[in-house]
C-alpha atoms as a PDB file:
ATOM      1  CA  MET A   1     -13.940  48.005 -24.521  1.00  0.00           C
ATOM      2  CA  THR A   2     -16.536  45.373 -23.806  1.00  0.00           C
ATOM      3  CA  ASN A   3     -14.264  42.321 -24.499  1.00  0.00           C
ATOM      4  CA  ARG A   4     -11.425  43.868 -22.430  1.00  0.00           C
ATOM      5  CA  LYS A   5     -13.244  44.403 -19.106  1.00  0.00           C
ATOM      6  CA  PRO A   6     -14.269  40.557 -18.767  1.00  0.00           C
ATOM      7  CA  ASN A   7     -10.661  39.390 -19.400  1.00  0.00           C
ATOM      8  CA  ARG A   8      -9.306  41.971 -16.838  1.00  0.00           C
ATOM      9  CA  PHE A   9     -11.781  40.818 -14.179  1.00  0.00           C
ATOM     10  CA  THR A  10     -10.785  37.300 -14.742  1.00  0.00           C
ATOM     11  CA  ALA A  11      -7.157  37.713 -14.463  1.00  0.00           C
ATOM     12  CA  PHE A  12      -8.073  39.672 -11.165  1.00  0.00           C
ATOM     13  CA  LEU A  13      -9.891  36.744  -9.703  1.00  0.00           C
ATOM     14  CA  TRP A  14      -7.160  34.330 -10.752  1.00  0.00           C
ATOM     15  CA  HIS A  15      -4.675  36.617  -9.457  1.00  0.00           C
ATOM     16  CA  ARG A  16      -6.694  36.682  -6.106  1.00  0.00           C
ATOM     17  CA  ARG A  17      -7.232  32.890  -5.978  1.00  0.00           C
ATOM     18  CA  ILE A  18      -3.796  31.731  -6.517  1.00  0.00           C
ATOM     19  CA  GLY A  19      -2.469  34.468  -4.227  1.00  0.00           C
ATOM     20  CA  LEU A  20      -4.433  32.935  -1.321  1.00  0.00           C
ATOM     21  CA  PHE A  21      -3.550  29.367  -2.587  1.00  0.00           C
ATOM     22  CA  ALA A  22       0.241  30.257  -2.631  1.00  0.00           C
ATOM     23  CA  LEU A  23       0.167  32.238   0.624  1.00  0.00           C
ATOM     24  CA  ILE A  24       1.047  29.642   3.062  1.00  0.00           C
ATOM     25  CA  LEU A  25       3.597  28.183   0.789  1.00  0.00           C
ATOM     26  CA  ILE A  26       5.351  31.431   0.476  1.00  0.00           C
ATOM     27  CA  ILE A  27       5.191  32.108   4.092  1.00  0.00           C
ATOM     28  CA  ILE A  28       6.913  28.613   4.543  1.00  0.00           C
ATOM     29  CA  LEU A  29       9.524  29.367   1.835  1.00  0.00           C
ATOM     30  CA  SER A  30      10.219  32.834   3.742  1.00  0.00           C
ATOM     31  CA  LEU A  31      10.502  31.780   7.362  1.00  0.00           C
ATOM     32  CA  THR A  32      12.646  28.519   6.508  1.00  0.00           C
ATOM     33  CA  GLY A  33      14.716  30.465   4.070  1.00  0.00           C
ATOM     34  CA  ILE A  34      15.275  33.065   6.881  1.00  0.00           C
ATOM     35  CA  ALA A  35      16.006  30.402   9.492  1.00  0.00           C
ATOM     36  CA  LEU A  36      18.492  28.349   7.077  1.00  0.00           C
ATOM     37  CA  ASN A  37      20.510  31.565   6.339  1.00  0.00           C
ATOM     38  CA  HIS A  38      21.190  31.682  10.239  1.00  0.00           C
ATOM     39  CA  THR A  39      21.514  27.987  10.880  1.00  0.00           C
ATOM     40  CA  GLU A  40      24.962  28.983  13.429  1.00  0.00           C
ATOM     41  CA  LYS A  41      23.181  31.714  15.136  1.00  0.00           C
ATOM     42  CA  PHE A  42      20.030  29.582  15.749  1.00  0.00           C
ATOM     43  CA  LYS A  43      22.162  26.425  16.498  1.00  0.00           C
ATOM     44  CA  LEU A  44      19.857  24.531  14.146  1.00  0.00           C
ATOM     45  CA  ASP A  45      22.684  21.925  13.474  1.00  0.00           C
ATOM     46  CA  GLU A  46      23.080  21.221  17.350  1.00  0.00           C
ATOM     47  CA  THR A  47      19.322  21.056  18.480  1.00  0.00           C
ATOM     48  CA  TYR A  48      17.483  17.816  18.027  1.00  0.00           C
ATOM     49  CA  ILE A  49      13.817  17.049  17.758  1.00  0.00           C
ATOM     50  CA  ASN A  50      12.271  13.907  19.439  1.00  0.00           C
ATOM     51  CA  THR A  51       8.505  14.719  18.771  1.00  0.00           C
ATOM     52  CA  SER A  52       7.098  11.119  18.526  1.00  0.00           C
ATOM     53  CA  TRP A  53       4.584  11.630  15.716  1.00  0.00           C
ATOM     54  CA  LEU A  54       7.529  13.515  13.388  1.00  0.00           C
ATOM     55  CA  LEU A  55      10.093  10.584  14.051  1.00  0.00           C
ATOM     56  CA  THR A  56       7.291   8.217  12.809  1.00  0.00           C
ATOM     57  CA  TRP A  57       6.746  10.369   9.859  1.00  0.00           C
ATOM     58  CA  TYR A  58      10.405  10.050   9.098  1.00  0.00           C
ATOM     59  CA  GLY A  59      10.337   6.173   9.668  1.00  0.00           C
ATOM     60  CA  ILE A  60      12.378   6.627  12.945  1.00  0.00           C
ATOM     61  CA  GLU A  61      10.263   5.728  15.514  1.00  0.00           C
ATOM     62  CA  PRO A  62       9.371   1.861  15.938  1.00  0.00           C
ATOM     63  CA  ASP A  63       6.249   0.175  16.091  1.00  0.00           C
ATOM     64  CA  GLY A  64       4.729  -2.112  18.617  1.00  0.00           C
ATOM     65  CA  GLU A  65       7.008  -3.315  21.640  1.00  0.00           C
ATOM     66  CA  PRO A  66      10.424  -4.595  21.872  1.00  0.00           C
ATOM     67  CA  VAL A  67      10.809  -8.585  22.348  1.00  0.00           C
ATOM     68  CA  SER A  68      13.463  -8.956  25.160  1.00  0.00           C
ATOM     69  CA  PHE A  69      15.265 -11.693  27.036  1.00  0.00           C
ATOM     70  CA  ARG A  70      17.330 -11.338  30.125  1.00  0.00           C
ATOM     71  CA  ILE A  71      20.580 -12.870  30.275  1.00  0.00           C
ATOM     72  CA  LYS A  72      22.126 -13.957  33.639  1.00  0.00           C
ATOM     73  CA  ASN A  73      25.824 -14.511  34.095  1.00  0.00           C
ATOM     74  CA  SER A  74      27.804 -14.863  37.006  1.00  0.00           C
ATOM     75  CA  SER A  75      29.520 -11.738  36.635  1.00  0.00           C
ATOM     76  CA  GLN A  76      26.982  -9.546  35.036  1.00  0.00           C
ATOM     77  CA  ASP A  77      23.327  -9.220  33.436  1.00  0.00           C
ATOM     78  CA  HIS A  78      22.419  -8.452  30.053  1.00  0.00           C
ATOM     79  CA  VAL A  79      19.248  -7.710  28.165  1.00  0.00           C
ATOM     80  CA  ILE A  80      18.958  -8.661  24.566  1.00  0.00           C
ATOM     81  CA  SER A  81      16.114  -7.190  22.702  1.00  0.00           C
ATOM     82  CA  ALA A  82      14.655  -7.045  19.123  1.00  0.00           C
ATOM     83  CA  TRP A  83      12.612  -4.181  18.126  1.00  0.00           C
ATOM     84  CA  GLN A  84      11.784  -2.980  14.605  1.00  0.00           C
ATOM     85  CA  LYS A  85      14.005  -5.434  12.968  1.00  0.00           C
ATOM     86  CA  LYS A  86      16.893  -4.548  15.037  1.00  0.00           C
ATOM     87  CA  LEU A  87      18.932  -6.659  17.613  1.00  0.00           C
ATOM     88  CA  PHE A  88      20.206  -4.896  20.568  1.00  0.00           C
ATOM     89  CA  PHE A  89      22.633  -5.769  23.290  1.00  0.00           C
ATOM     90  CA  ASP A  90      21.343  -3.771  26.215  1.00  0.00           C
ATOM     91  CA  ASN A  91      21.335  -0.306  24.656  1.00  0.00           C
ATOM     92  CA  THR A  92      23.433  -0.883  21.855  1.00  0.00           C
ATOM     93  CA  ALA A  93      22.260  -1.762  18.419  1.00  0.00           C
ATOM     94  CA  ILE A  94      24.191  -5.118  16.858  1.00  0.00           C
ATOM     95  CA  THR A  95      22.698  -5.863  13.828  1.00  0.00           C
ATOM     96  CA  ASN A  96      19.526  -5.891  11.552  1.00  0.00           C
ATOM     97  CA  LEU A  97      17.144  -8.904  11.736  1.00  0.00           C
ATOM     98  CA  GLU A  98      14.894 -10.214   8.953  1.00  0.00           C
ATOM     99  CA  GLN A  99      13.431 -13.025  11.153  1.00  0.00           C
ATOM    100  CA  THR A 100      11.570 -13.365  14.340  1.00  0.00           C
ATOM    101  CA  MET A 101      13.600 -13.721  17.687  1.00  0.00           C
ATOM    102  CA  HIS A 102      12.648 -16.761  19.736  1.00  0.00           C
ATOM    103  CA  GLY A 103      14.722 -16.510  22.388  1.00  0.00           C
ATOM    104  CA  ALA A 104      18.415 -15.835  23.956  1.00  0.00           C
ATOM    105  CA  ILE A 105      20.237 -17.434  26.400  1.00  0.00           C
ATOM    106  CA  GLY A 106      23.828 -17.246  28.005  1.00  0.00           C
ATOM    107  CA  ALA A 107      26.134 -20.246  27.245  1.00  0.00           C
ATOM    108  CA  GLU A 108      29.504 -21.072  28.591  1.00  0.00           C
ATOM    109  CA  GLN A 109      31.434 -19.008  25.714  1.00  0.00           C
ATOM    110  CA  PHE A 110      28.745 -17.265  23.863  1.00  0.00           C
ATOM    111  CA  ILE A 111      25.319 -15.471  24.143  1.00  0.00           C
ATOM    112  CA  VAL A 112      23.097 -17.404  21.834  1.00  0.00           C
ATOM    113  CA  VAL A 113      20.138 -15.784  20.111  1.00  0.00           C
ATOM    114  CA  ALA A 114      17.616 -18.007  18.102  1.00  0.00           C
ATOM    115  CA  LEU A 115      15.608 -16.726  15.264  1.00  0.00           C
ATOM    116  CA  ASP A 116      13.488 -18.572  12.786  1.00  0.00           C
ATOM    117  CA  ASN A 117      16.259 -20.190  10.580  1.00  0.00           C
ATOM    118  CA  GLU A 118      19.183 -18.678  12.248  1.00  0.00           C
ATOM    119  CA  ILE A 119      21.688 -18.624  15.320  1.00  0.00           C
ATOM    120  CA  ILE A 120      23.426 -15.397  16.484  1.00  0.00           C
ATOM    121  CA  LEU A 121      26.431 -15.756  18.669  1.00  0.00           C
ATOM    122  CA  LEU A 122      27.456 -12.763  20.810  1.00  0.00           C
ATOM    123  CA  SER A 123      30.303 -12.383  22.965  1.00  0.00           C
ATOM    124  CA  TYR A 124      29.680 -11.044  26.604  1.00  0.00           C
ATOM    125  CA  GLN A 125      31.003  -7.846  25.511  1.00  0.00           C
ATOM    126  CA  GLY A 126      28.342  -7.650  23.167  1.00  0.00           C
ATOM    127  CA  GLU A 127      30.332  -8.170  19.935  1.00  0.00           C
ATOM    128  CA  LEU A 128      28.843  -9.825  16.871  1.00  0.00           C
ATOM    129  CA  ILE A 129      30.946 -13.060  16.549  1.00  0.00           C
ATOM    130  CA  GLU A 130      28.806 -15.045  13.844  1.00  0.00           C
ATOM    131  CA  ARG A 131      25.372 -15.763  12.246  1.00  0.00           C
ATOM    132  CA  ILE A 132      24.670 -19.362  11.542  1.00  0.00           C
ATOM    133  CA  ASN A 133      22.133 -20.394   8.991  1.00  0.00           C
ATOM    134  CA  THR A 134      20.147 -23.556  10.260  1.00  0.00           C
ATOM    135  CA  SER A 135      17.730 -24.017   7.444  1.00  0.00           C
ATOM    136  CA  ILE A 136      19.826 -27.004   5.931  1.00  0.00           C
ATOM    137  CA  SER A 137      20.005 -28.750   9.473  1.00  0.00           C
ATOM    138  CA  PHE A 138      16.546 -28.567  10.791  1.00  0.00           C
ATOM    139  CA  SER A 139      13.280 -26.890  10.111  1.00  0.00           C
ATOM    140  CA  ASN A 140      12.022 -23.780  11.777  1.00  0.00           C
ATOM    141  CA  ILE A 141      13.018 -22.816  15.222  1.00  0.00           C
ATOM    142  CA  GLN A 142      10.204 -22.402  17.939  1.00  0.00           C
ATOM    143  CA  ARG A 143      11.625 -22.006  21.407  1.00  0.00           C
ATOM    144  CA  LEU A 144      15.381 -21.799  22.781  1.00  0.00           C
ATOM    145  CA  GLY A 145      16.565 -23.329  25.928  1.00  0.00           C
ATOM    146  CA  ILE A 146      19.499 -24.418  27.924  1.00  0.00           C
ATOM    147  CA  LYS A 147      20.638 -27.760  29.275  1.00  0.00           C
ATOM    148  CA  TYR A 148      24.163 -28.485  30.693  1.00  0.00           C
ATOM    149  CA  LYS A 149      24.862 -24.887  29.876  1.00  0.00           C
ATOM    150  CA  ARG A 150      24.467 -25.593  26.395  1.00  0.00           C
ATOM    151  CA  PRO A 151      21.826 -24.108  24.061  1.00  0.00           C
ATOM    152  CA  VAL A 152      18.722 -26.413  23.094  1.00  0.00           C
ATOM    153  CA  ILE A 153      16.217 -25.668  20.500  1.00  0.00           C
ATOM    154  CA  GLU A 154      12.730 -26.746  19.649  1.00  0.00           C
ATOM    155  CA  THR A 155      11.953 -27.088  16.254  1.00  0.00           C
ATOM    156  CA  SER A 156       8.491 -27.108  14.169  1.00  0.00           C
ATOM    157  CA  ASP A 157       8.831 -31.017  13.857  1.00  0.00           C
ATOM    158  CA  PRO A 158       8.764 -31.133  16.792  1.00  0.00           C
ATOM    159  CA  LEU A 159      12.324 -32.150  17.636  1.00  0.00           C
ATOM    160  CA  TYR A 160      14.980 -31.025  20.080  1.00  0.00           C
ATOM    161  CA  TYR A 161      18.254 -30.442  19.494  1.00  0.00           C
ATOM    162  CA  ILE A 162      21.300 -29.657  21.687  1.00  0.00           C
ATOM    163  CA  ALA A 163      24.615 -27.830  20.590  1.00  0.00           C
ATOM    164  CA  ASP A 164      27.988 -28.926  21.454  1.00  0.00           C
ATOM    165  CA  GLU A 165      30.240 -26.627  23.761  1.00  0.00           C
ATOM    166  CA  HIS A 166      31.334 -24.556  20.647  1.00  0.00           C
ATOM    167  CA  ILE A 167      28.150 -24.140  18.947  1.00  0.00           C
ATOM    168  CA  LEU A 168      29.021 -26.417  15.721  1.00  0.00           C
ATOM    169  CA  ASP A 169      27.295 -29.468  15.996  1.00  0.00           C
ATOM    170  CA  TRP A 170      23.567 -30.228  16.936  1.00  0.00           C
ATOM    171  CA  ASP A 171      22.373 -33.631  18.525  1.00  0.00           C
ATOM    172  CA  ILE A 172      18.612 -34.615  19.053  1.00  0.00           C
ATOM    173  CA  ILE A 173      17.748 -35.072  22.532  1.00  0.00           C
ATOM    174  CA  ALA A 174      14.636 -35.674  24.822  1.00  0.00           C
ATOM    175  CA  ASN A 175      12.627 -33.141  25.927  1.00  0.00           C
ATOM    176  CA  GLU A 176      13.570 -33.507  29.672  1.00  0.00           C
ATOM    177  CA  GLY A 177      15.450 -31.206  32.042  1.00  0.00           C
ATOM    178  CA  ILE A 178      15.378 -28.341  29.657  1.00  0.00           C
ATOM    179  CA  GLU A 179      15.272 -24.737  30.945  1.00  0.00           C
ATOM    180  CA  TRP A 180      13.237 -22.737  28.297  1.00  0.00           C
ATOM    181  CA  THR A 181      13.927 -19.054  27.929  1.00  0.00           C
ATOM    182  CA  GLU A 182      10.904 -16.663  28.563  1.00  0.00           C
ATOM    183  CA  LYS A 183      10.294 -13.097  27.440  1.00  0.00           C
ATOM    184  CA  THR A 184      10.918 -10.418  30.020  1.00  0.00           C
ATOM    185  CA  THR A 185       9.037  -6.958  30.458  1.00  0.00           C
ATOM    186  CA  LEU A 186      11.380  -3.880  30.262  1.00  0.00           C
ATOM    187  CA  ASN A 187      10.627  -1.233  32.992  1.00  0.00           C
ATOM    188  CA  ASP A 188      10.029   2.266  31.939  1.00  0.00           C
ATOM    189  CA  ILE A 189      13.664   3.442  32.192  1.00  0.00           C
ATOM    190  CA  GLU A 190      15.017   0.246  30.018  1.00  0.00           C
ATOM    191  CA  ARG A 191      12.173   0.966  27.556  1.00  0.00           C
ATOM    192  CA  GLU A 192      13.236   4.627  27.156  1.00  0.00           C
ATOM    193  CA  GLN A 193      16.872   3.711  27.005  1.00  0.00           C
ATOM    194  CA  LEU A 194      16.312   1.213  24.205  1.00  0.00           C
ATOM    195  CA  LEU A 195      14.142   4.069  22.413  1.00  0.00           C
ATOM    196  CA  VAL A 196      17.017   6.338  22.540  1.00  0.00           C
ATOM    197  CA  ALA A 197      19.366   3.612  21.328  1.00  0.00           C
ATOM    198  CA  TYR A 198      16.909   2.963  18.425  1.00  0.00           C
ATOM    199  CA  ARG A 199      16.424   6.351  17.271  1.00  0.00           C
ATOM    200  CA  GLY A 200      19.687   8.124  18.368  1.00  0.00           C
ATOM    201  CA  ASN A 201      19.372  11.777  19.371  1.00  0.00           C
ATOM    202  CA  GLY A 202      16.401  12.316  17.026  1.00  0.00           C
ATOM    203  CA  LEU A 203      16.226  14.584  13.928  1.00  0.00           C
ATOM    204  CA  LYS A 204      18.550  17.789  13.727  1.00  0.00           C
ATOM    205  CA  LEU A 205      16.135  20.588  13.471  1.00  0.00           C
ATOM    206  CA  GLU A 206      18.396  21.915  10.632  1.00  0.00           C
ATOM    207  CA  ARG A 207      17.280  19.031   8.429  1.00  0.00           C
ATOM    208  CA  ILE A 208      13.580  19.291   9.454  1.00  0.00           C
ATOM    209  CA  ILE A 209      13.653  23.069   8.283  1.00  0.00           C
ATOM    210  CA  LEU A 210      15.600  21.998   5.078  1.00  0.00           C
ATOM    211  CA  ASP A 211      13.189  19.474   4.326  1.00  0.00           C
ATOM    212  CA  LEU A 212      10.389  21.888   4.975  1.00  0.00           C
ATOM    213  CA  HIS A 213      11.977  24.556   2.715  1.00  0.00           C
ATOM    214  CA  SER A 214      12.299  22.103  -0.117  1.00  0.00           C
ATOM    215  CA  GLY A 215       8.982  20.574   0.330  1.00  0.00           C
ATOM    216  CA  ARG A 216      10.582  16.850   0.997  1.00  0.00           C
ATOM    217  CA  ILE A 217       8.790  16.837   4.319  1.00  0.00           C
ATOM    218  CA  PHE A 218       5.471  16.466   2.636  1.00  0.00           C
ATOM    219  CA  GLY A 219       6.582  13.221   0.982  1.00  0.00           C
ATOM    220  CA  GLN A 220       7.569  12.010  -2.499  1.00  0.00           C
ATOM    221  CA  TYR A 221       5.765  14.752  -4.260  1.00  0.00           C
ATOM    222  CA  GLY A 222       6.511  17.451  -1.856  1.00  0.00           C
ATOM    223  CA  ILE A 223       8.836  19.154  -3.857  1.00  0.00           C
ATOM    224  CA  TYR A 224       6.334  19.797  -6.321  1.00  0.00           C
ATOM    225  CA  PHE A 225       4.405  22.007  -4.033  1.00  0.00           C
ATOM    226  CA  MET A 226       7.224  24.298  -3.600  1.00  0.00           C
ATOM    227  CA  ASP A 227       7.713  24.310  -7.421  1.00  0.00           C
ATOM    228  CA  ALA A 228       3.957  25.271  -7.563  1.00  0.00           C
ATOM    229  CA  ALA A 229       4.511  27.929  -4.637  1.00  0.00           C
ATOM    230  CA  ALA A 230       7.510  29.334  -7.074  1.00  0.00           C
ATOM    231  CA  ILE A 231       5.208  29.298 -10.217  1.00  0.00           C
ATOM    232  CA  ALA A 232       2.268  30.957  -8.400  1.00  0.00           C
ATOM    233  CA  MET A 233       4.827  33.666  -7.267  1.00  0.00           C
ATOM    234  CA  LEU A 234       6.080  34.161 -10.916  1.00  0.00           C
ATOM    235  CA  TRP A 235       2.288  34.158 -11.953  1.00  0.00           C
ATOM    236  CA  LEU A 236       1.363  36.823  -9.372  1.00  0.00           C
ATOM    237  CA  SER A 237       3.982  38.899 -10.492  1.00  0.00           C
ATOM    238  CA  LEU A 238       3.135  38.825 -14.146  1.00  0.00           C
ATOM    239  CA  SER A 239      -0.518  38.980 -13.668  1.00  0.00           C
ATOM    240  CA  GLY A 240      -0.119  41.845 -11.046  1.00  0.00           C
ATOM    241  CA  LEU A 241       1.788  43.790 -13.526  1.00  0.00           C
ATOM    242  CA  TRP A 242      -0.854  43.061 -16.178  1.00  0.00           C
ATOM    243  CA  VAL A 243      -3.696  44.247 -14.139  1.00  0.00           C
ATOM    244  CA  TRP A 244      -1.943  47.433 -13.009  1.00  0.00           C
ATOM    245  CA  SER A 245      -0.740  48.188 -16.586  1.00  0.00           C
ATOM    246  CA  SER A 246      -4.319  47.517 -17.851  1.00  0.00           C
ATOM    247  CA  ARG A 247      -5.939  49.681 -15.273  1.00  0.00           C
ATOM    248  CA  ARG A 248      -3.376  52.470 -15.982  1.00  0.00           C
ATOM    249  CA  ARG A 249      -4.203  52.545 -19.617  1.00  0.00           C
ATOM    250  CA  THR A 250      -7.843  52.578 -18.906  1.00  0.00           C
ATOM    251  CA  MET A 251      -7.457  55.554 -16.695  1.00  0.00           C
ATOM    252  CA  ARG A 252      -5.568  57.405 -19.051  1.00  0.00           C
ATOM    253  CA  LYS A 253      -8.163  56.726 -21.752  1.00  0.00           C
ATOM    254  CA  LYS A 254     -10.908  57.740 -19.185  1.00  0.00           C
ATOM    255  CA  LYS A 255      -8.928  61.153 -18.871  1.00  0.00           C
ATOM    256  CA  HIS A 256      -8.399  61.865 -22.244  1.00  0.00           C
ATOM    257  CA  TYR A 257     -12.155  61.099 -23.014  1.00  0.00           C
ATOM    258  CA  GLN A 258     -13.100  63.407 -20.139  1.00  0.00           C
ATOM    259  CA  LYS A 259     -10.540  66.171 -21.365  1.00  0.00           C
ATOM    260  CA  HIS A 260     -11.929  66.335 -24.921  1.00  0.00           C
ATOM    261  CA  HIS A 261     -15.596  65.988 -24.298  1.00  0.00           C
ATOM    262  CA  ARG A 262     -16.193  68.482 -21.579  1.00  0.00           C
ATOM    263  CA  LYS A 263     -19.051  70.790 -22.229  1.00  0.00           C
END
């Protein structure tokens, strides 16, 4: 008798501690499970979340501010922006970037975008025409300008090169009469439109609830938290059954003792 009481009391303590630990996870599992069972009714697949901190957690919210250049053309104006390793034509994502953008100008036939060691050619409709590696021809690009409606670049040497009308060959020129591009600051509406273009409509509520249910929203090891909740539920069931059974046997023995030792 003296050895069983401490064991039963210890099991009861652990039953309570694990129950408190698992309570939050069990509530999450229960609520998210119910929500996922009624996805269509709650329209989880049609509802989008744009909360900034949540998009940042998922890696969808861009850091810092966009680098933008305005392209003025006789018929229309455009904004070329680089933000979080993406190149945008107005509010449309064009391609991914691995280098810093140093300028964008509107030449006769193309829009020319200059990176560290690369020239990107776009049409005036925002189509990607070509990406030209310039590291073989000259050193790192520092600035982009325009002269005679043709692109001019300044390299780190420093030297100045002007392209032909087809942007195929480059010749060295003097630093005279060049109109260098300058960064532009987007207004609030333009920035918001670009932000929407970067992150799309946001995250579907269904995905967030599904990730919450599986634990993936908590990161790489999040699923193990939910595994721990499942194991805790199993432990609570078994330990609760054991404590109940132990108490029942004790009460039976107590009644049996009282029945046969009454005076």
